[in-house]
């Protein structure tokens, strides 16, 4: 899914005054009526993955990794570790900025919270986990193959569990008093 879908959900959560699941809305094109559709935790979980920033980060890491050439003359070239960690930090920072900016833009005229904390946490945890398990991540350089396999498994399970635990509150109306 995307940051856009996650912040649409955030605004919907802010504007839902009923108890229970947050509702997403769909306009019936034939009648023009607004229909409410239940928002499940599974839907919220899928929306937590920040695809906009993830696509850019993946492309940049691919280019960086592509520049590292192992040759007979240089069997251990510079792995650009500092650059890779910097890109990872920038990816996380940009994910937070993108979620907050998208939420701020969409909340105009609606009841809203000052800061979309649960949405920022979900997107950042998903981004961190994804960025640390994808091929070319900076951990690969610093760990043995065995340690990388174990770390990737642990990061995937813990990251998925943390984002999964946030999917329940993401599917509920916002409990924070609107400003």
N, C-alpha and C. Protein backbone atom coordinates (compact mmCIF):
# COMPACT_ATOMS: atom_id res chain seq x y z
N UNK A 1 0.84 -1.17 0.00
CA UNK A 1 0.00 0.00 0.00
C UNK A 1 0.89 1.24 0.00
N UNK A 2 0.44 2.30 0.66
CA UNK A 2 1.21 3.52 0.52
C UNK A 2 1.01 4.46 1.69
N UNK A 3 1.87 5.46 1.72
CA UNK A 3 1.73 6.51 2.72
C UNK A 3 0.41 7.24 2.51
N UNK A 4 0.04 7.44 1.27
CA UNK A 4 -1.22 8.10 0.97
C UNK A 4 -2.40 7.33 1.56
N UNK A 5 -2.40 6.01 1.38
CA UNK A 5 -3.49 5.19 1.93
C UNK A 5 -3.47 5.21 3.46
N UNK A 6 -2.26 5.19 4.05
CA UNK A 6 -2.14 5.23 5.50
C UNK A 6 -2.66 6.55 6.06
N UNK A 7 -2.36 7.66 5.41
CA UNK A 7 -2.84 8.94 5.93
C UNK A 7 -4.32 9.17 5.61
N UNK A 8 -4.84 8.57 4.53
CA UNK A 8 -6.30 8.57 4.33
C UNK A 8 -6.97 7.89 5.52
N UNK A 9 -6.39 6.77 5.93
CA UNK A 9 -6.91 6.04 7.09
C UNK A 9 -6.83 6.89 8.35
N UNK A 10 -5.73 7.64 8.52
CA UNK A 10 -5.56 8.49 9.70
C UNK A 10 -6.66 9.54 9.78
N UNK A 11 -6.95 10.18 8.66
CA UNK A 11 -8.00 11.21 8.63
C UNK A 11 -9.36 10.57 8.90
N UNK A 12 -9.60 9.40 8.33
CA UNK A 12 -10.86 8.68 8.58
C UNK A 12 -10.98 8.34 10.06
N UNK A 13 -9.89 7.88 10.67
CA UNK A 13 -9.91 7.56 12.10
C UNK A 13 -10.25 8.79 12.93
N UNK A 14 -9.70 9.94 12.54
CA UNK A 14 -9.96 11.18 13.28
C UNK A 14 -11.42 11.60 13.18
N UNK A 15 -12.03 11.36 12.03
CA UNK A 15 -13.39 11.83 11.79
C UNK A 15 -14.47 10.83 12.19
N UNK A 16 -14.09 9.63 12.53
CA UNK A 16 -15.07 8.63 12.97
C UNK A 16 -15.39 8.87 14.43
N UNK A 17 -16.65 9.10 14.70
CA UNK A 17 -17.06 9.34 16.08
C UNK A 17 -17.70 8.11 16.70
N UNK A 18 -18.03 7.11 15.87
CA UNK A 18 -18.65 5.91 16.43
C UNK A 18 -17.58 4.99 17.00
N UNK A 19 -18.02 4.11 17.89
CA UNK A 19 -17.10 3.14 18.47
C UNK A 19 -16.95 1.96 17.51
N UNK A 20 -15.89 1.22 17.68
CA UNK A 20 -15.69 0.05 16.83
C UNK A 20 -14.65 0.34 15.77
N UNK A 21 -14.78 -0.34 14.64
CA UNK A 21 -13.79 -0.21 13.59
C UNK A 21 -13.94 1.13 12.88
N UNK A 22 -12.79 1.67 12.47
CA UNK A 22 -12.81 2.86 11.63
C UNK A 22 -13.42 2.45 10.29
N UNK A 23 -14.08 3.36 9.65
CA UNK A 23 -14.72 3.02 8.38
C UNK A 23 -14.04 3.74 7.24
N UNK A 24 -13.84 3.05 6.17
CA UNK A 24 -13.39 3.74 4.97
C UNK A 24 -14.65 4.03 4.17
N UNK A 25 -14.59 5.05 3.38
CA UNK A 25 -15.77 5.48 2.65
C UNK A 25 -15.58 5.29 1.16
N UNK A 26 -16.67 4.95 0.51
CA UNK A 26 -16.64 4.75 -0.93
C UNK A 26 -17.89 5.42 -1.50
N UNK A 27 -17.71 6.17 -2.57
CA UNK A 27 -18.84 6.82 -3.21
C UNK A 27 -19.40 5.87 -4.27
N UNK A 28 -20.70 5.59 -4.16
CA UNK A 28 -21.36 4.77 -5.15
C UNK A 28 -21.55 5.63 -6.39
N UNK A 29 -20.94 5.24 -7.49
CA UNK A 29 -20.96 6.07 -8.70
C UNK A 29 -22.35 6.18 -9.32
N UNK A 30 -23.20 5.20 -9.10
CA UNK A 30 -24.54 5.24 -9.69
C UNK A 30 -25.49 6.13 -8.90
N UNK A 31 -25.41 6.05 -7.56
CA UNK A 31 -26.35 6.81 -6.74
C UNK A 31 -25.75 8.08 -6.15
N UNK A 32 -24.41 8.16 -6.11
CA UNK A 32 -23.76 9.32 -5.51
C UNK A 32 -23.73 9.26 -3.99
N UNK A 33 -24.26 8.17 -3.40
CA UNK A 33 -24.28 8.05 -1.95
C UNK A 33 -22.92 7.58 -1.43
N UNK A 34 -22.61 8.05 -0.23
CA UNK A 34 -21.37 7.63 0.41
C UNK A 34 -21.67 6.39 1.23
N UNK A 35 -20.93 5.33 0.95
CA UNK A 35 -21.11 4.08 1.68
C UNK A 35 -19.94 3.91 2.63
N UNK A 36 -20.22 3.40 3.83
CA UNK A 36 -19.15 3.10 4.78
C UNK A 36 -18.79 1.63 4.65
N UNK A 37 -17.51 1.38 4.58
CA UNK A 37 -17.01 0.01 4.53
C UNK A 37 -16.16 -0.21 5.76
N UNK A 38 -16.29 -1.34 6.39
CA UNK A 38 -15.52 -1.64 7.59
C UNK A 38 -14.03 -1.66 7.28
N UNK A 39 -13.22 -1.15 8.18
CA UNK A 39 -11.77 -1.12 8.05
C UNK A 39 -11.19 -2.21 8.94
N UNK A 40 -10.65 -3.26 8.37
CA UNK A 40 -10.12 -4.35 9.18
C UNK A 40 -8.67 -4.09 9.56
N UNK A 41 -8.22 -4.82 10.57
CA UNK A 41 -6.82 -4.73 10.99
C UNK A 41 -5.90 -5.18 9.85
N UNK A 42 -6.35 -6.15 9.07
CA UNK A 42 -5.54 -6.62 7.93
C UNK A 42 -5.36 -5.51 6.91
N UNK A 43 -6.44 -4.76 6.62
CA UNK A 43 -6.33 -3.63 5.70
C UNK A 43 -5.35 -2.59 6.24
N UNK A 44 -5.46 -2.31 7.53
CA UNK A 44 -4.58 -1.32 8.15
C UNK A 44 -3.13 -1.78 8.10
N UNK A 45 -2.90 -3.07 8.31
CA UNK A 45 -1.54 -3.62 8.26
C UNK A 45 -0.93 -3.42 6.87
N UNK A 46 -1.70 -3.69 5.84
CA UNK A 46 -1.20 -3.52 4.48
C UNK A 46 -0.88 -2.06 4.17
N UNK A 47 -1.63 -1.15 4.75
CA UNK A 47 -1.42 0.27 4.49
C UNK A 47 -0.20 0.83 5.21
N UNK A 48 0.34 0.08 6.16
CA UNK A 48 1.49 0.58 6.93
C UNK A 48 2.79 0.53 6.15
N UNK A 49 2.84 -0.20 5.05
CA UNK A 49 4.08 -0.32 4.27
C UNK A 49 4.23 0.93 3.40
N UNK A 50 5.29 1.73 3.64
CA UNK A 50 5.45 3.00 2.93
C UNK A 50 6.04 2.82 1.53
N UNK A 51 5.21 2.42 0.58
CA UNK A 51 5.71 2.06 -0.75
C UNK A 51 6.36 3.22 -1.49
N UNK A 52 5.91 4.44 -1.27
CA UNK A 52 6.51 5.58 -1.99
C UNK A 52 7.98 5.74 -1.65
N UNK A 53 8.31 5.75 -0.36
CA UNK A 53 9.71 5.93 0.03
C UNK A 53 10.49 4.65 -0.19
N UNK A 54 9.86 3.51 -0.03
CA UNK A 54 10.52 2.23 -0.21
C UNK A 54 10.99 2.03 -1.65
N UNK A 55 10.20 2.43 -2.60
CA UNK A 55 10.58 2.28 -4.01
C UNK A 55 11.84 3.10 -4.32
N UNK A 56 11.88 4.32 -3.85
CA UNK A 56 13.05 5.17 -4.08
C UNK A 56 14.29 4.62 -3.40
N UNK A 57 14.15 4.19 -2.16
CA UNK A 57 15.28 3.65 -1.41
C UNK A 57 15.82 2.39 -2.09
N UNK A 58 14.92 1.52 -2.51
CA UNK A 58 15.34 0.28 -3.18
C UNK A 58 16.12 0.58 -4.46
N UNK A 59 15.63 1.53 -5.23
CA UNK A 59 16.32 1.89 -6.48
C UNK A 59 17.71 2.46 -6.21
N UNK A 60 17.81 3.35 -5.23
CA UNK A 60 19.10 3.96 -4.92
C UNK A 60 20.09 2.91 -4.40
N UNK A 61 19.63 2.03 -3.52
CA UNK A 61 20.51 0.98 -3.00
C UNK A 61 20.97 0.07 -4.14
N UNK A 62 20.08 -0.23 -5.07
CA UNK A 62 20.45 -1.04 -6.23
C UNK A 62 21.56 -0.40 -7.05
N UNK A 63 21.47 0.90 -7.23
CA UNK A 63 22.52 1.62 -7.98
C UNK A 63 23.83 1.59 -7.20
N UNK A 64 23.78 1.85 -5.91
CA UNK A 64 24.99 1.85 -5.08
C UNK A 64 25.66 0.48 -5.12
N UNK A 65 24.88 -0.57 -4.93
CA UNK A 65 25.43 -1.93 -4.94
C UNK A 65 26.02 -2.24 -6.32
N UNK A 66 25.38 -1.76 -7.37
CA UNK A 66 25.86 -1.98 -8.73
C UNK A 66 27.21 -1.36 -9.02
N UNK A 67 27.60 -0.35 -8.24
CA UNK A 67 28.89 0.30 -8.46
C UNK A 67 30.04 -0.42 -7.78
N UNK A 68 29.73 -1.37 -6.91
CA UNK A 68 30.77 -2.11 -6.18
C UNK A 68 31.21 -3.29 -7.04
N UNK A 69 32.45 -3.24 -7.49
CA UNK A 69 32.97 -4.27 -8.39
C UNK A 69 34.11 -5.04 -7.72
N UNK A 70 33.94 -6.33 -7.63
CA UNK A 70 34.99 -7.20 -7.13
C UNK A 70 35.81 -7.67 -8.34
N UNK A 71 37.10 -7.45 -8.28
CA UNK A 71 37.99 -7.86 -9.38
C UNK A 71 39.17 -8.63 -8.79
N UNK A 72 39.94 -9.24 -9.66
CA UNK A 72 41.15 -9.92 -9.20
C UNK A 72 42.12 -8.92 -8.57
N UNK A 73 42.19 -7.74 -9.15
CA UNK A 73 43.10 -6.71 -8.63
C UNK A 73 42.60 -6.13 -7.32
N UNK A 74 41.29 -6.11 -7.11
CA UNK A 74 40.70 -5.56 -5.90
C UNK A 74 39.60 -6.50 -5.41
N UNK A 75 40.01 -7.59 -4.71
CA UNK A 75 39.01 -8.57 -4.27
C UNK A 75 38.12 -8.09 -3.12
N UNK A 76 38.50 -7.03 -2.44
CA UNK A 76 37.69 -6.49 -1.35
C UNK A 76 37.50 -4.98 -1.55
N UNK A 77 36.69 -4.59 -2.54
CA UNK A 77 36.50 -3.15 -2.77
C UNK A 77 35.71 -2.50 -1.63
N UNK A 78 35.79 -1.18 -1.61
CA UNK A 78 35.01 -0.41 -0.63
C UNK A 78 33.53 -0.78 -0.78
N UNK A 79 32.91 -1.17 0.30
CA UNK A 79 31.51 -1.58 0.28
C UNK A 79 30.56 -0.38 0.48
N UNK A 80 31.13 0.82 0.56
CA UNK A 80 30.34 2.05 0.71
C UNK A 80 29.40 1.96 1.92
N UNK A 81 29.93 1.40 2.99
CA UNK A 81 29.12 1.16 4.18
C UNK A 81 28.56 2.45 4.77
N UNK A 82 29.39 3.48 4.87
CA UNK A 82 28.90 4.76 5.41
C UNK A 82 27.77 5.33 4.58
N UNK A 83 27.91 5.26 3.27
CA UNK A 83 26.85 5.73 2.37
C UNK A 83 25.59 4.90 2.54
N UNK A 84 25.73 3.59 2.66
CA UNK A 84 24.56 2.72 2.80
C UNK A 84 23.81 2.98 4.10
N UNK A 85 24.55 3.16 5.20
CA UNK A 85 23.88 3.49 6.47
C UNK A 85 23.25 4.89 6.39
N UNK A 86 23.93 5.82 5.75
CA UNK A 86 23.35 7.16 5.57
C UNK A 86 22.07 7.13 4.76
N UNK A 87 22.07 6.35 3.70
CA UNK A 87 20.85 6.20 2.89
C UNK A 87 19.72 5.57 3.70
N UNK A 88 20.07 4.57 4.53
CA UNK A 88 19.06 3.93 5.37
C UNK A 88 18.47 4.94 6.36
N UNK A 89 19.32 5.72 7.01
CA UNK A 89 18.84 6.76 7.93
C UNK A 89 17.99 7.80 7.22
N UNK A 90 18.42 8.19 6.02
CA UNK A 90 17.64 9.13 5.23
C UNK A 90 16.29 8.56 4.82
N UNK A 91 16.26 7.28 4.49
CA UNK A 91 15.02 6.58 4.14
C UNK A 91 14.04 6.62 5.31
N UNK A 92 14.51 6.34 6.51
CA UNK A 92 13.63 6.37 7.68
C UNK A 92 13.14 7.80 7.96
N UNK A 93 14.06 8.75 7.87
CA UNK A 93 13.70 10.16 8.10
C UNK A 93 12.68 10.63 7.07
N UNK A 94 12.92 10.31 5.81
CA UNK A 94 12.00 10.72 4.76
C UNK A 94 10.63 10.05 4.91
N UNK A 95 10.62 8.81 5.39
CA UNK A 95 9.34 8.12 5.64
C UNK A 95 8.53 8.88 6.68
N UNK A 96 9.17 9.28 7.77
CA UNK A 96 8.47 10.04 8.82
C UNK A 96 7.96 11.36 8.26
N UNK A 97 8.82 12.08 7.55
CA UNK A 97 8.42 13.37 6.98
C UNK A 97 7.26 13.19 6.00
N UNK A 98 7.32 12.16 5.18
CA UNK A 98 6.27 11.93 4.18
C UNK A 98 4.93 11.62 4.84
N UNK A 99 4.93 10.81 5.90
CA UNK A 99 3.68 10.49 6.60
C UNK A 99 3.10 11.75 7.23
N UNK A 100 3.92 12.50 7.93
CA UNK A 100 3.44 13.72 8.60
C UNK A 100 2.95 14.74 7.57
N UNK A 101 3.70 14.94 6.49
CA UNK A 101 3.30 15.91 5.47
C UNK A 101 1.99 15.50 4.79
N UNK A 102 1.87 14.23 4.46
CA UNK A 102 0.65 13.74 3.82
C UNK A 102 -0.55 13.89 4.75
N UNK A 103 -0.37 13.55 6.02
CA UNK A 103 -1.45 13.68 7.01
C UNK A 103 -1.83 15.15 7.18
N UNK A 104 -0.84 16.01 7.30
CA UNK A 104 -1.10 17.45 7.49
C UNK A 104 -1.87 18.03 6.31
N UNK A 105 -1.51 17.62 5.10
CA UNK A 105 -2.19 18.10 3.91
C UNK A 105 -3.64 17.62 3.85
N UNK A 106 -3.90 16.40 4.26
CA UNK A 106 -5.23 15.81 4.15
C UNK A 106 -6.17 16.20 5.28
N UNK A 107 -5.64 16.61 6.41
CA UNK A 107 -6.50 16.87 7.56
C UNK A 107 -7.15 18.24 7.54
N UNK A 108 -6.84 19.07 6.58
CA UNK A 108 -7.36 20.44 6.52
C UNK A 108 -8.88 20.41 6.55
N UNK A 109 -9.45 21.16 7.46
CA UNK A 109 -10.90 21.28 7.57
C UNK A 109 -11.55 20.12 8.30
N UNK A 110 -10.79 19.14 8.69
CA UNK A 110 -11.34 17.99 9.39
C UNK A 110 -10.87 18.01 10.84
N UNK A 111 -11.57 17.28 11.68
CA UNK A 111 -11.06 17.09 13.03
C UNK A 111 -9.76 16.32 12.90
N UNK A 112 -8.80 16.66 13.74
CA UNK A 112 -7.52 15.99 13.60
C UNK A 112 -6.70 16.04 14.88
N UNK A 113 -5.73 15.16 14.91
CA UNK A 113 -4.74 15.14 15.98
C UNK A 113 -3.58 16.03 15.56
N UNK A 114 -2.78 16.43 16.51
CA UNK A 114 -1.61 17.25 16.16
C UNK A 114 -0.57 16.43 15.42
N UNK A 115 -0.41 15.16 15.80
CA UNK A 115 0.63 14.33 15.22
C UNK A 115 0.09 12.90 15.07
N UNK A 116 0.23 12.31 13.89
CA UNK A 116 -0.29 10.95 13.65
C UNK A 116 0.69 9.88 14.17
N UNK A 117 0.81 9.77 15.48
CA UNK A 117 1.84 8.94 16.10
C UNK A 117 1.76 7.47 15.68
N UNK A 118 0.59 6.86 15.77
CA UNK A 118 0.49 5.43 15.44
C UNK A 118 0.84 5.19 13.97
N UNK A 119 0.39 6.07 13.10
CA UNK A 119 0.70 5.93 11.67
C UNK A 119 2.19 6.09 11.40
N UNK A 120 2.82 7.05 12.07
CA UNK A 120 4.27 7.26 11.91
C UNK A 120 5.04 6.05 12.44
N UNK A 121 4.64 5.54 13.60
CA UNK A 121 5.31 4.36 14.14
C UNK A 121 5.17 3.16 13.21
N UNK A 122 3.97 2.91 12.73
CA UNK A 122 3.74 1.76 11.86
C UNK A 122 4.57 1.86 10.58
N UNK A 123 4.55 3.02 9.94
CA UNK A 123 5.30 3.19 8.68
C UNK A 123 6.80 3.11 8.92
N UNK A 124 7.28 3.68 10.01
CA UNK A 124 8.72 3.69 10.29
C UNK A 124 9.22 2.29 10.66
N UNK A 125 8.46 1.56 11.46
CA UNK A 125 8.86 0.20 11.80
C UNK A 125 8.86 -0.68 10.55
N UNK A 126 7.82 -0.55 9.72
CA UNK A 126 7.75 -1.33 8.48
C UNK A 126 8.93 -0.97 7.57
N UNK A 127 9.24 0.32 7.47
CA UNK A 127 10.36 0.76 6.63
C UNK A 127 11.69 0.24 7.18
N UNK A 128 11.89 0.32 8.48
CA UNK A 128 13.14 -0.14 9.08
C UNK A 128 13.32 -1.64 8.87
N UNK A 129 12.28 -2.40 9.13
CA UNK A 129 12.38 -3.84 8.95
C UNK A 129 12.66 -4.19 7.49
N UNK A 130 11.92 -3.56 6.60
CA UNK A 130 12.11 -3.85 5.18
C UNK A 130 13.52 -3.48 4.72
N UNK A 131 13.96 -2.30 5.14
CA UNK A 131 15.28 -1.83 4.74
C UNK A 131 16.43 -2.67 5.28
N UNK A 132 16.20 -3.33 6.42
CA UNK A 132 17.26 -4.15 7.02
C UNK A 132 17.24 -5.61 6.57
N UNK A 133 16.20 -6.01 5.84
CA UNK A 133 16.17 -7.40 5.35
C UNK A 133 16.30 -7.50 3.84
N UNK A 134 16.19 -6.38 3.15
CA UNK A 134 16.30 -6.44 1.68
C UNK A 134 17.75 -6.68 1.25
N UNK A 135 17.93 -7.27 0.08
CA UNK A 135 19.30 -7.47 -0.41
C UNK A 135 20.04 -6.14 -0.52
N UNK A 136 21.30 -6.14 -0.16
CA UNK A 136 22.11 -4.93 -0.24
C UNK A 136 22.04 -4.07 1.00
N UNK A 137 21.32 -4.54 2.04
CA UNK A 137 21.22 -3.72 3.25
C UNK A 137 22.59 -3.62 3.92
N UNK A 138 22.82 -2.60 4.73
CA UNK A 138 24.14 -2.40 5.33
C UNK A 138 24.55 -3.49 6.31
N UNK A 139 23.62 -4.22 6.88
CA UNK A 139 23.97 -5.29 7.81
C UNK A 139 24.74 -6.42 7.12
N UNK A 140 24.44 -6.64 5.84
CA UNK A 140 25.09 -7.72 5.09
C UNK A 140 26.61 -7.57 5.13
N UNK A 141 27.08 -6.34 5.07
CA UNK A 141 28.52 -6.07 5.05
C UNK A 141 29.14 -6.35 6.41
N UNK A 142 28.41 -6.09 7.46
CA UNK A 142 28.96 -6.15 8.80
C UNK A 142 28.84 -7.52 9.46
N UNK A 143 28.08 -8.45 8.86
CA UNK A 143 27.82 -9.73 9.51
C UNK A 143 28.22 -10.90 8.61
N UNK A 144 28.45 -12.01 9.24
CA UNK A 144 28.72 -13.23 8.47
C UNK A 144 27.41 -13.68 7.80
N UNK A 145 27.52 -14.60 6.85
CA UNK A 145 26.34 -15.10 6.16
C UNK A 145 25.37 -15.74 7.14
N UNK A 146 25.89 -16.51 8.09
CA UNK A 146 25.04 -17.17 9.08
C UNK A 146 24.34 -16.14 9.97
N UNK A 147 25.09 -15.16 10.45
CA UNK A 147 24.50 -14.12 11.30
C UNK A 147 23.47 -13.29 10.53
N UNK A 148 23.74 -13.04 9.25
CA UNK A 148 22.80 -12.29 8.42
C UNK A 148 21.48 -13.05 8.27
N UNK A 149 21.56 -14.35 8.06
CA UNK A 149 20.34 -15.17 7.94
C UNK A 149 19.52 -15.12 9.22
N UNK A 150 20.19 -15.26 10.35
CA UNK A 150 19.49 -15.23 11.64
C UNK A 150 18.91 -13.84 11.88
N UNK A 151 19.70 -12.79 11.65
CA UNK A 151 19.23 -11.42 11.87
C UNK A 151 18.04 -11.10 10.97
N UNK A 152 18.10 -11.53 9.72
CA UNK A 152 17.00 -11.27 8.79
C UNK A 152 15.71 -11.92 9.29
N UNK A 153 15.82 -13.14 9.78
CA UNK A 153 14.65 -13.85 10.30
C UNK A 153 14.08 -13.13 11.52
N UNK A 154 14.96 -12.76 12.45
CA UNK A 154 14.52 -12.08 13.66
C UNK A 154 13.90 -10.72 13.33
N UNK A 155 14.54 -9.96 12.48
CA UNK A 155 14.02 -8.63 12.10
C UNK A 155 12.66 -8.76 11.42
N UNK A 156 12.50 -9.74 10.56
CA UNK A 156 11.23 -9.94 9.87
C UNK A 156 10.13 -10.29 10.87
N UNK A 157 10.40 -11.20 11.79
CA UNK A 157 9.38 -11.62 12.76
C UNK A 157 9.06 -10.49 13.73
N UNK A 158 10.08 -9.85 14.28
CA UNK A 158 9.84 -8.76 15.24
C UNK A 158 9.17 -7.57 14.56
N UNK A 159 9.68 -7.17 13.38
CA UNK A 159 9.08 -6.05 12.66
C UNK A 159 7.63 -6.33 12.30
N UNK A 160 7.37 -7.54 11.78
CA UNK A 160 6.00 -7.92 11.45
C UNK A 160 5.11 -7.94 12.68
N UNK A 161 5.65 -8.43 13.79
CA UNK A 161 4.86 -8.45 15.04
C UNK A 161 4.54 -7.06 15.55
N UNK A 162 5.53 -6.17 15.49
CA UNK A 162 5.30 -4.79 15.96
C UNK A 162 4.28 -4.06 15.08
N UNK A 163 4.45 -4.17 13.76
CA UNK A 163 3.50 -3.52 12.86
C UNK A 163 2.14 -4.18 13.00
N UNK A 164 2.12 -5.50 13.14
CA UNK A 164 0.86 -6.21 13.33
C UNK A 164 0.14 -5.76 14.59
N UNK A 165 0.89 -5.52 15.66
CA UNK A 165 0.25 -5.06 16.90
C UNK A 165 -0.32 -3.65 16.75
N UNK A 166 0.26 -2.87 15.85
CA UNK A 166 -0.27 -1.52 15.61
C UNK A 166 -1.47 -1.53 14.66
N UNK A 167 -1.69 -2.64 13.96
CA UNK A 167 -2.81 -2.68 13.01
C UNK A 167 -4.16 -2.63 13.71
N UNK A 168 -4.23 -3.12 14.94
CA UNK A 168 -5.50 -3.06 15.66
C UNK A 168 -5.89 -1.62 15.98
N UNK A 169 -4.99 -0.82 16.61
CA UNK A 169 -5.39 0.58 16.82
C UNK A 169 -5.58 1.36 15.52
N UNK A 170 -4.88 0.96 14.45
CA UNK A 170 -5.07 1.64 13.17
C UNK A 170 -6.46 1.38 12.59
N UNK A 171 -7.08 0.29 12.98
CA UNK A 171 -8.41 -0.03 12.47
C UNK A 171 -9.51 0.55 13.35
N UNK A 172 -9.14 1.25 14.42
CA UNK A 172 -10.11 1.84 15.35
C UNK A 172 -10.17 3.36 15.15
N UNK A 173 -11.29 3.96 15.50
CA UNK A 173 -11.34 5.42 15.47
C UNK A 173 -10.27 6.00 16.40
N UNK A 174 -9.77 7.16 16.07
CA UNK A 174 -8.75 7.81 16.86
C UNK A 174 -9.29 8.10 18.26
N UNK A 175 -8.51 7.77 19.28
CA UNK A 175 -8.93 8.03 20.67
C UNK A 175 -8.43 9.36 21.18
N UNK A 176 -7.53 9.97 20.42
CA UNK A 176 -6.98 11.26 20.82
C UNK A 176 -8.04 12.33 20.56
N UNK A 177 -8.20 13.25 21.51
CA UNK A 177 -9.15 14.32 21.31
C UNK A 177 -8.70 15.20 20.17
N UNK A 178 -9.57 15.43 19.19
CA UNK A 178 -9.20 16.30 18.07
C UNK A 178 -8.86 17.71 18.56
N UNK A 179 -7.99 18.38 17.82
CA UNK A 179 -7.61 19.75 18.19
C UNK A 179 -8.55 20.74 17.56
